[in-house]
């Protein structure tokens, strides 16, 4: 078991780093959604064909 871990240490470290990045992205998107922001747009509805249909009126 330890020989396998030692032989694949580089792959495991890179996999854990990538998993950390994905988790950080998911947390960021969830926080933005709770604040009412949409991660897919910049919030500039003036140039958007859906102009204001996706954001709540404040």
N, C-alpha and C. Protein backbone atom coordinates (compact mmCIF):
# COMPACT_ATOMS: atom_id res chain seq x y z
N UNK A 1 0.83 -1.20 0.00
CA UNK A 1 0.00 0.00 0.00
C UNK A 1 0.87 1.25 0.00
N UNK A 2 1.86 1.29 0.91
CA UNK A 2 2.73 2.46 0.97
C UNK A 2 3.59 2.59 -0.29
N UNK A 3 3.93 1.47 -0.89
CA UNK A 3 4.71 1.50 -2.13
C UNK A 3 3.88 2.10 -3.25
N UNK A 4 2.60 1.77 -3.28
CA UNK A 4 1.72 2.33 -4.31
C UNK A 4 1.56 3.84 -4.13
N UNK A 5 1.37 4.28 -2.89
CA UNK A 5 1.25 5.71 -2.60
C UNK A 5 2.54 6.43 -2.98
N UNK A 6 3.67 5.86 -2.63
CA UNK A 6 4.96 6.48 -2.97
C UNK A 6 5.16 6.53 -4.48
N UNK A 7 4.72 5.50 -5.19
CA UNK A 7 4.86 5.47 -6.64
C UNK A 7 3.93 6.43 -7.35
N UNK A 8 2.82 6.77 -6.75
CA UNK A 8 1.83 7.65 -7.37
C UNK A 8 1.68 8.98 -6.63
N UNK A 9 2.69 9.36 -5.90
CA UNK A 9 2.60 10.57 -5.07
C UNK A 9 2.35 11.83 -5.91
N UNK A 10 3.03 11.95 -7.04
CA UNK A 10 2.85 13.12 -7.90
C UNK A 10 1.42 13.22 -8.41
N UNK A 11 0.87 12.10 -8.86
CA UNK A 11 -0.50 12.08 -9.36
C UNK A 11 -1.49 12.43 -8.25
N UNK A 12 -1.25 11.90 -7.07
CA UNK A 12 -2.15 12.17 -5.94
C UNK A 12 -2.10 13.65 -5.54
N UNK A 13 -0.92 14.23 -5.52
CA UNK A 13 -0.80 15.65 -5.14
C UNK A 13 -1.49 16.53 -6.17
N UNK A 14 -1.26 16.26 -7.45
CA UNK A 14 -1.91 17.06 -8.50
C UNK A 14 -3.42 16.89 -8.45
N UNK A 15 -3.89 15.68 -8.20
CA UNK A 15 -5.33 15.43 -8.07
C UNK A 15 -5.93 16.18 -6.91
N UNK A 16 -5.24 16.22 -5.78
CA UNK A 16 -5.74 16.96 -4.62
C UNK A 16 -5.76 18.46 -4.86
N UNK A 17 -4.74 18.97 -5.57
CA UNK A 17 -4.71 20.40 -5.90
C UNK A 17 -5.87 20.75 -6.82
N UNK A 18 -6.11 19.93 -7.83
CA UNK A 18 -7.24 20.17 -8.73
C UNK A 18 -8.58 20.07 -8.00
N UNK A 19 -8.69 19.13 -7.11
CA UNK A 19 -9.91 18.99 -6.31
C UNK A 19 -10.13 20.23 -5.45
N UNK A 20 -9.05 20.80 -4.92
CA UNK A 20 -9.15 22.03 -4.14
C UNK A 20 -9.63 23.20 -4.98
N UNK A 21 -9.11 23.31 -6.22
CA UNK A 21 -9.56 24.38 -7.12
C UNK A 21 -11.04 24.24 -7.44
N UNK A 22 -11.48 23.04 -7.74
CA UNK A 22 -12.90 22.81 -8.06
C UNK A 22 -13.77 23.15 -6.85
N UNK A 23 -13.34 22.76 -5.67
CA UNK A 23 -14.12 23.06 -4.46
C UNK A 23 -14.18 24.57 -4.23
N UNK A 24 -13.08 25.29 -4.47
CA UNK A 24 -13.08 26.74 -4.30
C UNK A 24 -14.02 27.41 -5.30
N UNK A 25 -14.05 26.92 -6.52
CA UNK A 25 -14.96 27.47 -7.54
C UNK A 25 -16.41 27.24 -7.14
N UNK A 26 -16.72 26.05 -6.66
CA UNK A 26 -18.10 25.74 -6.25
C UNK A 26 -18.51 26.62 -5.08
N UNK A 27 -17.64 26.80 -4.11
CA UNK A 27 -17.95 27.67 -2.96
C UNK A 27 -18.16 29.10 -3.42
N UNK A 28 -17.33 29.58 -4.34
CA UNK A 28 -17.46 30.95 -4.84
C UNK A 28 -18.80 31.15 -5.57
N UNK A 29 -19.17 30.21 -6.40
CA UNK A 29 -20.44 30.32 -7.15
C UNK A 29 -21.62 30.28 -6.19
N UNK A 30 -21.56 29.43 -5.18
CA UNK A 30 -22.66 29.36 -4.21
C UNK A 30 -22.80 30.65 -3.42
N UNK A 31 -21.66 31.27 -3.04
CA UNK A 31 -21.72 32.54 -2.31
C UNK A 31 -22.31 33.64 -3.18
N UNK A 32 -21.91 33.67 -4.47
CA UNK A 32 -22.45 34.68 -5.38
C UNK A 32 -23.94 34.48 -5.55
N UNK A 33 -24.38 33.24 -5.64
CA UNK A 33 -25.81 32.97 -5.82
C UNK A 33 -26.60 33.40 -4.59
N UNK A 34 -26.05 33.19 -3.39
CA UNK A 34 -26.74 33.62 -2.17
C UNK A 34 -26.85 35.13 -2.10
N UNK A 35 -25.87 35.85 -2.65
CA UNK A 35 -25.90 37.32 -2.66
C UNK A 35 -26.79 37.87 -3.77
N UNK A 36 -27.31 36.98 -4.64
CA UNK A 36 -28.17 37.42 -5.72
C UNK A 36 -27.43 37.77 -6.98
N UNK A 37 -26.14 37.49 -7.03
CA UNK A 37 -25.35 37.77 -8.24
C UNK A 37 -25.35 36.53 -9.11
N UNK A 38 -25.20 36.76 -10.41
CA UNK A 38 -25.15 35.66 -11.34
C UNK A 38 -23.72 35.54 -11.87
N UNK A 39 -23.11 34.35 -11.71
CA UNK A 39 -21.72 34.18 -12.14
C UNK A 39 -21.56 34.18 -13.66
N UNK A 40 -22.65 34.02 -14.40
CA UNK A 40 -22.53 33.93 -15.85
C UNK A 40 -22.58 35.27 -16.55
N UNK A 41 -22.90 36.33 -15.82
CA UNK A 41 -22.93 37.64 -16.48
C UNK A 41 -22.24 38.67 -15.59
N UNK A 42 -21.89 39.79 -16.18
CA UNK A 42 -21.21 40.83 -15.43
C UNK A 42 -22.15 41.78 -14.72
N UNK A 43 -23.45 41.63 -14.92
CA UNK A 43 -24.43 42.49 -14.27
C UNK A 43 -24.74 43.76 -15.04
N UNK A 44 -24.17 43.91 -16.25
CA UNK A 44 -24.44 45.08 -17.08
C UNK A 44 -25.59 44.75 -18.01
N UNK A 45 -26.80 45.06 -17.59
CA UNK A 45 -27.98 44.69 -18.36
C UNK A 45 -28.25 45.62 -19.53
N UNK A 46 -27.53 46.74 -19.61
CA UNK A 46 -27.76 47.69 -20.69
C UNK A 46 -27.45 47.13 -22.07
N UNK A 47 -26.49 46.25 -22.16
CA UNK A 47 -26.13 45.69 -23.46
C UNK A 47 -26.60 44.25 -23.63
N UNK A 48 -27.43 43.79 -22.72
CA UNK A 48 -27.90 42.41 -22.76
C UNK A 48 -29.28 42.35 -23.40
N UNK A 49 -29.52 41.39 -24.30
CA UNK A 49 -30.85 41.28 -24.91
C UNK A 49 -31.93 40.89 -23.90
N UNK A 50 -31.54 40.28 -22.78
CA UNK A 50 -32.51 39.93 -21.75
C UNK A 50 -32.66 41.04 -20.73
N UNK A 51 -32.03 42.17 -20.95
CA UNK A 51 -31.96 43.37 -20.12
C UNK A 51 -32.80 43.43 -18.87
N UNK A 52 -32.44 42.87 -17.79
CA UNK A 52 -33.17 43.00 -16.55
C UNK A 52 -34.08 41.83 -16.25
N UNK A 53 -34.21 40.88 -17.15
CA UNK A 53 -35.09 39.75 -16.90
C UNK A 53 -34.46 38.75 -15.92
N UNK A 54 -33.14 38.79 -15.80
CA UNK A 54 -32.50 37.78 -14.94
C UNK A 54 -32.22 38.32 -13.54
N UNK A 55 -32.23 39.61 -13.33
CA UNK A 55 -31.95 40.19 -12.01
C UNK A 55 -33.24 40.70 -11.40
N UNK A 56 -33.34 40.57 -10.09
CA UNK A 56 -34.51 41.07 -9.38
C UNK A 56 -34.46 42.59 -9.30
N UNK A 57 -35.62 43.17 -9.29
CA UNK A 57 -35.71 44.62 -9.11
C UNK A 57 -35.44 44.94 -7.64
N UNK A 58 -34.64 45.94 -7.39
CA UNK A 58 -34.33 46.32 -6.01
C UNK A 58 -35.07 47.58 -5.64
